[in-house]
Each structure stands twice: as C-alpha cells, then as structure tokens.
Amino acid sequence: MTIMEMLQESAALAALGISIVFSFLILLVICISLVGKVIRVLDSGKKNQGQGVANAGTIVKKGENDPVVAAITAAVNEYRKPQ
C-alpha cells in the first residue's frame, strides 16, 4: 500500500466519521425540539385546567408577612405565565 492510497483511505474514513457524528447531532437536535413541543402542548393543557388553583394559595391571614407573601405570589404568577 502506497502513501497516497493510505492518505485516500484515511480521508475517506475521516469523512465517514464526521458525517456519522454530524448526522447524530442533527437527529439529536430534532428529537429535543420535538420533545420540547410535546411538553409545551401538555403543559398548556395543564395550565388551562389549573386556572382556579393558582389563586387558591393567596388567601392568608393578615399579618406582618403580607409584603413577602405578595412578592412571592407575584413571582409565582409571573413564572407560570405562558411565554
């Protein structure tokens, strides 16, 4: 086997390896995107069902922690908003 044949074979193997890795990464990105879409669809269904539950925790006794409870409630409501 000459040097040129070995170089050609190594270039072919390198191209094959790179294409396999690149194909795997593309497949991985597609799968992650699909799972993200499925989770968004399932999560939006849960948000529609639990609309009344979000305000159930806001009824607390009046006291010195009212500003803290209001801040936490606002943060939770902001976090639960759809993007």
N, C-alpha and C. Protein backbone atom coordinates (compact mmCIF):
# COMPACT_ATOMS: atom_id res chain seq x y z
N MET A 1 0.85 -1.17 0.00
CA MET A 1 0.00 0.00 0.00
C MET A 1 0.90 1.24 0.00
N THR A 2 0.63 2.13 -0.92
CA THR A 2 1.46 3.34 -1.01
C THR A 2 0.94 4.42 -0.07
N ILE A 3 1.71 5.47 0.05
CA ILE A 3 1.34 6.59 0.92
C ILE A 3 0.05 7.24 0.41
N MET A 4 -0.08 7.40 -0.89
CA MET A 4 -1.27 8.05 -1.47
C MET A 4 -2.52 7.22 -1.19
N GLU A 5 -2.43 5.92 -1.30
CA GLU A 5 -3.58 5.06 -1.00
C GLU A 5 -3.97 5.16 0.47
N MET A 6 -2.97 5.19 1.34
CA MET A 6 -3.26 5.32 2.77
C MET A 6 -3.89 6.68 3.08
N LEU A 7 -3.40 7.73 2.45
CA LEU A 7 -3.98 9.06 2.66
C LEU A 7 -5.42 9.11 2.16
N GLN A 8 -5.68 8.50 1.02
CA GLN A 8 -7.05 8.48 0.49
C GLN A 8 -7.97 7.69 1.42
N GLU A 9 -7.49 6.56 1.90
CA GLU A 9 -8.31 5.75 2.80
C GLU A 9 -8.56 6.48 4.12
N SER A 10 -7.55 7.15 4.66
CA SER A 10 -7.73 7.89 5.90
C SER A 10 -8.67 9.08 5.71
N ALA A 11 -8.62 9.74 4.55
CA ALA A 11 -9.54 10.84 4.28
C ALA A 11 -10.97 10.32 4.16
N ALA A 12 -11.15 9.16 3.54
CA ALA A 12 -12.48 8.58 3.42
C ALA A 12 -13.02 8.19 4.79
N LEU A 13 -12.18 7.60 5.64
CA LEU A 13 -12.61 7.23 6.98
C LEU A 13 -12.93 8.47 7.82
N ALA A 14 -12.14 9.52 7.68
CA ALA A 14 -12.40 10.76 8.42
C ALA A 14 -13.72 11.38 7.96
N ALA A 15 -13.97 11.40 6.67
CA ALA A 15 -15.22 11.94 6.15
C ALA A 15 -16.41 11.11 6.63
N LEU A 16 -16.26 9.80 6.65
CA LEU A 16 -17.32 8.93 7.14
C LEU A 16 -17.60 9.19 8.62
N GLY A 17 -16.56 9.29 9.42
CA GLY A 17 -16.74 9.56 10.84
C GLY A 17 -17.39 10.90 11.10
N ILE A 18 -16.95 11.93 10.40
CA ILE A 18 -17.52 13.26 10.57
C ILE A 18 -18.99 13.27 10.16
N SER A 19 -19.33 12.59 9.07
CA SER A 19 -20.72 12.57 8.62
C SER A 19 -21.61 11.80 9.60
N ILE A 20 -21.09 10.74 10.19
CA ILE A 20 -21.88 9.99 11.17
C ILE A 20 -22.14 10.85 12.41
N VAL A 21 -21.12 11.53 12.91
CA VAL A 21 -21.28 12.39 14.08
C VAL A 21 -22.24 13.54 13.76
N PHE A 22 -22.09 14.16 12.61
CA PHE A 22 -22.95 15.27 12.22
C PHE A 22 -24.40 14.81 12.09
N SER A 23 -24.61 13.64 11.49
CA SER A 23 -25.97 13.10 11.38
C SER A 23 -26.57 12.82 12.75
N PHE A 24 -25.79 12.28 13.65
CA PHE A 24 -26.27 12.02 15.00
C PHE A 24 -26.66 13.31 15.71
N LEU A 25 -25.85 14.35 15.56
CA LEU A 25 -26.16 15.63 16.20
C LEU A 25 -27.43 16.25 15.63
N ILE A 26 -27.63 16.14 14.32
CA ILE A 26 -28.86 16.66 13.71
C ILE A 26 -30.06 15.89 14.24
N LEU A 27 -29.95 14.59 14.32
CA LEU A 27 -31.03 13.77 14.86
C LEU A 27 -31.32 14.12 16.32
N LEU A 28 -30.29 14.39 17.09
CA LEU A 28 -30.44 14.77 18.49
C LEU A 28 -31.17 16.11 18.62
N VAL A 29 -30.82 17.07 17.80
CA VAL A 29 -31.49 18.38 17.83
C VAL A 29 -32.96 18.24 17.45
N ILE A 30 -33.25 17.42 16.45
CA ILE A 30 -34.64 17.21 16.04
C ILE A 30 -35.44 16.56 17.17
N CYS A 31 -34.87 15.55 17.80
CA CYS A 31 -35.57 14.87 18.91
C CYS A 31 -35.82 15.82 20.07
N ILE A 32 -34.84 16.63 20.42
CA ILE A 32 -35.01 17.57 21.52
C ILE A 32 -36.08 18.60 21.18
N SER A 33 -36.12 19.06 19.94
CA SER A 33 -37.14 20.03 19.53
C SER A 33 -38.53 19.41 19.61
N LEU A 34 -38.67 18.16 19.15
CA LEU A 34 -39.97 17.50 19.21
C LEU A 34 -40.43 17.28 20.65
N VAL A 35 -39.52 16.87 21.52
CA VAL A 35 -39.88 16.67 22.92
C VAL A 35 -40.28 18.00 23.55
N GLY A 36 -39.60 19.07 23.21
CA GLY A 36 -39.96 20.39 23.72
C GLY A 36 -41.35 20.81 23.29
N LYS A 37 -41.69 20.55 22.03
CA LYS A 37 -43.03 20.88 21.55
C LYS A 37 -44.09 20.05 22.25
N VAL A 38 -43.82 18.77 22.45
CA VAL A 38 -44.79 17.90 23.15
C VAL A 38 -44.98 18.38 24.58
N ILE A 39 -43.90 18.75 25.25
CA ILE A 39 -44.01 19.22 26.63
C ILE A 39 -44.79 20.52 26.69
N ARG A 40 -44.55 21.43 25.72
CA ARG A 40 -45.30 22.68 25.70
C ARG A 40 -46.79 22.43 25.51
N VAL A 41 -47.14 21.49 24.64
CA VAL A 41 -48.55 21.18 24.40
C VAL A 41 -49.18 20.58 25.65
N LEU A 42 -48.49 19.65 26.29
CA LEU A 42 -49.02 19.04 27.50
C LEU A 42 -49.10 20.04 28.65
N ASP A 43 -48.11 20.93 28.74
CA ASP A 43 -48.09 21.93 29.80
C ASP A 43 -49.20 22.96 29.62
N SER A 44 -49.50 23.32 28.38
CA SER A 44 -50.57 24.30 28.16
C SER A 44 -51.92 23.69 28.51
N GLY A 45 -52.09 22.39 28.33
CA GLY A 45 -53.32 21.71 28.73
C GLY A 45 -53.47 21.71 30.24
N LYS A 46 -52.38 21.53 30.96
CA LYS A 46 -52.43 21.54 32.42
C LYS A 46 -52.71 22.95 32.94
N LYS A 47 -52.17 23.97 32.28
CA LYS A 47 -52.39 25.34 32.73
C LYS A 47 -53.85 25.73 32.58
N ASN A 48 -54.49 25.27 31.51
CA ASN A 48 -55.89 25.59 31.31
C ASN A 48 -56.77 24.92 32.36
N GLN A 49 -56.40 23.73 32.79
CA GLN A 49 -57.18 23.02 33.79
C GLN A 49 -56.98 23.61 35.19
N GLY A 50 -55.81 24.13 35.47
CA GLY A 50 -55.50 24.59 36.82
C GLY A 50 -55.61 26.08 37.01
N GLN A 51 -56.42 26.79 36.25
CA GLN A 51 -56.53 28.24 36.38
C GLN A 51 -57.00 28.66 37.77
N GLY A 52 -57.98 27.98 38.33
CA GLY A 52 -58.51 28.35 39.63
C GLY A 52 -57.58 28.01 40.78
N VAL A 53 -56.69 27.09 40.58
CA VAL A 53 -55.80 26.66 41.64
C VAL A 53 -54.72 27.71 41.91
N ALA A 54 -54.37 28.52 40.93
CA ALA A 54 -53.30 29.49 41.10
C ALA A 54 -53.65 30.53 42.16
N ASN A 55 -54.91 30.89 42.28
CA ASN A 55 -55.30 31.91 43.25
C ASN A 55 -55.70 31.32 44.59
N ALA A 56 -55.75 30.01 44.72
CA ALA A 56 -56.18 29.39 45.97
C ALA A 56 -55.18 29.63 47.09
N GLY A 57 -53.91 29.75 46.78
CA GLY A 57 -52.90 29.93 47.81
C GLY A 57 -52.75 31.37 48.25
N THR A 58 -53.46 32.31 47.67
CA THR A 58 -53.29 33.72 48.03
C THR A 58 -54.08 34.13 49.25
N ILE A 59 -54.98 33.29 49.74
CA ILE A 59 -55.77 33.61 50.92
C ILE A 59 -54.94 33.23 52.16
N VAL A 60 -54.46 34.23 52.86
CA VAL A 60 -53.67 34.02 54.07
C VAL A 60 -54.16 34.97 55.15
N LYS A 61 -53.73 34.73 56.36
CA LYS A 61 -54.10 35.61 57.47
C LYS A 61 -53.36 36.92 57.34
N LYS A 62 -54.02 38.00 57.73
CA LYS A 62 -53.38 39.31 57.72
C LYS A 62 -52.32 39.34 58.80
N GLY A 63 -51.19 39.92 58.47
CA GLY A 63 -50.12 39.97 59.45
C GLY A 63 -48.94 40.73 58.91
N GLU A 64 -47.81 40.53 59.52
CA GLU A 64 -46.62 41.29 59.14
C GLU A 64 -45.95 40.73 57.88
N ASN A 65 -46.33 39.56 57.43
CA ASN A 65 -45.69 38.96 56.25
C ASN A 65 -46.43 39.27 54.96
N ASP A 66 -47.39 40.19 54.97
CA ASP A 66 -48.17 40.49 53.77
C ASP A 66 -47.30 40.92 52.58
N PRO A 67 -46.32 41.81 52.74
CA PRO A 67 -45.50 42.19 51.58
C PRO A 67 -44.68 41.01 51.03
N VAL A 68 -44.21 40.16 51.92
CA VAL A 68 -43.42 39.00 51.49
C VAL A 68 -44.31 38.03 50.71
N VAL A 69 -45.51 37.77 51.26
CA VAL A 69 -46.44 36.87 50.58
C VAL A 69 -46.86 37.45 49.24
N ALA A 70 -47.07 38.76 49.17
CA ALA A 70 -47.45 39.39 47.91
C ALA A 70 -46.33 39.27 46.88
N ALA A 71 -45.08 39.45 47.32
CA ALA A 71 -43.95 39.33 46.39
C ALA A 71 -43.80 37.91 45.89
N ILE A 72 -43.95 36.95 46.78
CA ILE A 72 -43.83 35.54 46.36
C ILE A 72 -44.96 35.16 45.42
N THR A 73 -46.18 35.62 45.72
CA THR A 73 -47.32 35.32 44.86
C THR A 73 -47.13 35.93 43.48
N ALA A 74 -46.65 37.18 43.44
CA ALA A 74 -46.41 37.82 42.15
C ALA A 74 -45.33 37.09 41.36
N ALA A 75 -44.28 36.63 42.04
CA ALA A 75 -43.21 35.91 41.35
C ALA A 75 -43.71 34.59 40.79
N VAL A 76 -44.52 33.87 41.57
CA VAL A 76 -45.05 32.58 41.11
C VAL A 76 -45.98 32.79 39.93
N ASN A 77 -46.85 33.81 40.01
CA ASN A 77 -47.76 34.09 38.88
C ASN A 77 -46.99 34.49 37.63
N GLU A 78 -45.92 35.25 37.79
CA GLU A 78 -45.11 35.65 36.64
C GLU A 78 -44.41 34.46 36.03
N TYR A 79 -43.96 33.53 36.88
CA TYR A 79 -43.29 32.32 36.40
C TYR A 79 -44.25 31.42 35.63
N ARG A 80 -45.51 31.37 36.04
CA ARG A 80 -46.48 30.48 35.43
C ARG A 80 -47.09 31.03 34.14
N LYS A 81 -46.83 32.30 33.84
CA LYS A 81 -47.38 32.90 32.62
C LYS A 81 -46.80 32.20 31.39
N PRO A 82 -47.63 31.98 30.36
CA PRO A 82 -47.08 31.40 29.12
C PRO A 82 -46.16 32.41 28.44
N GLN A 83 -45.17 31.89 27.76
CA GLN A 83 -44.20 32.78 27.12
C GLN A 83 -44.63 33.16 25.79
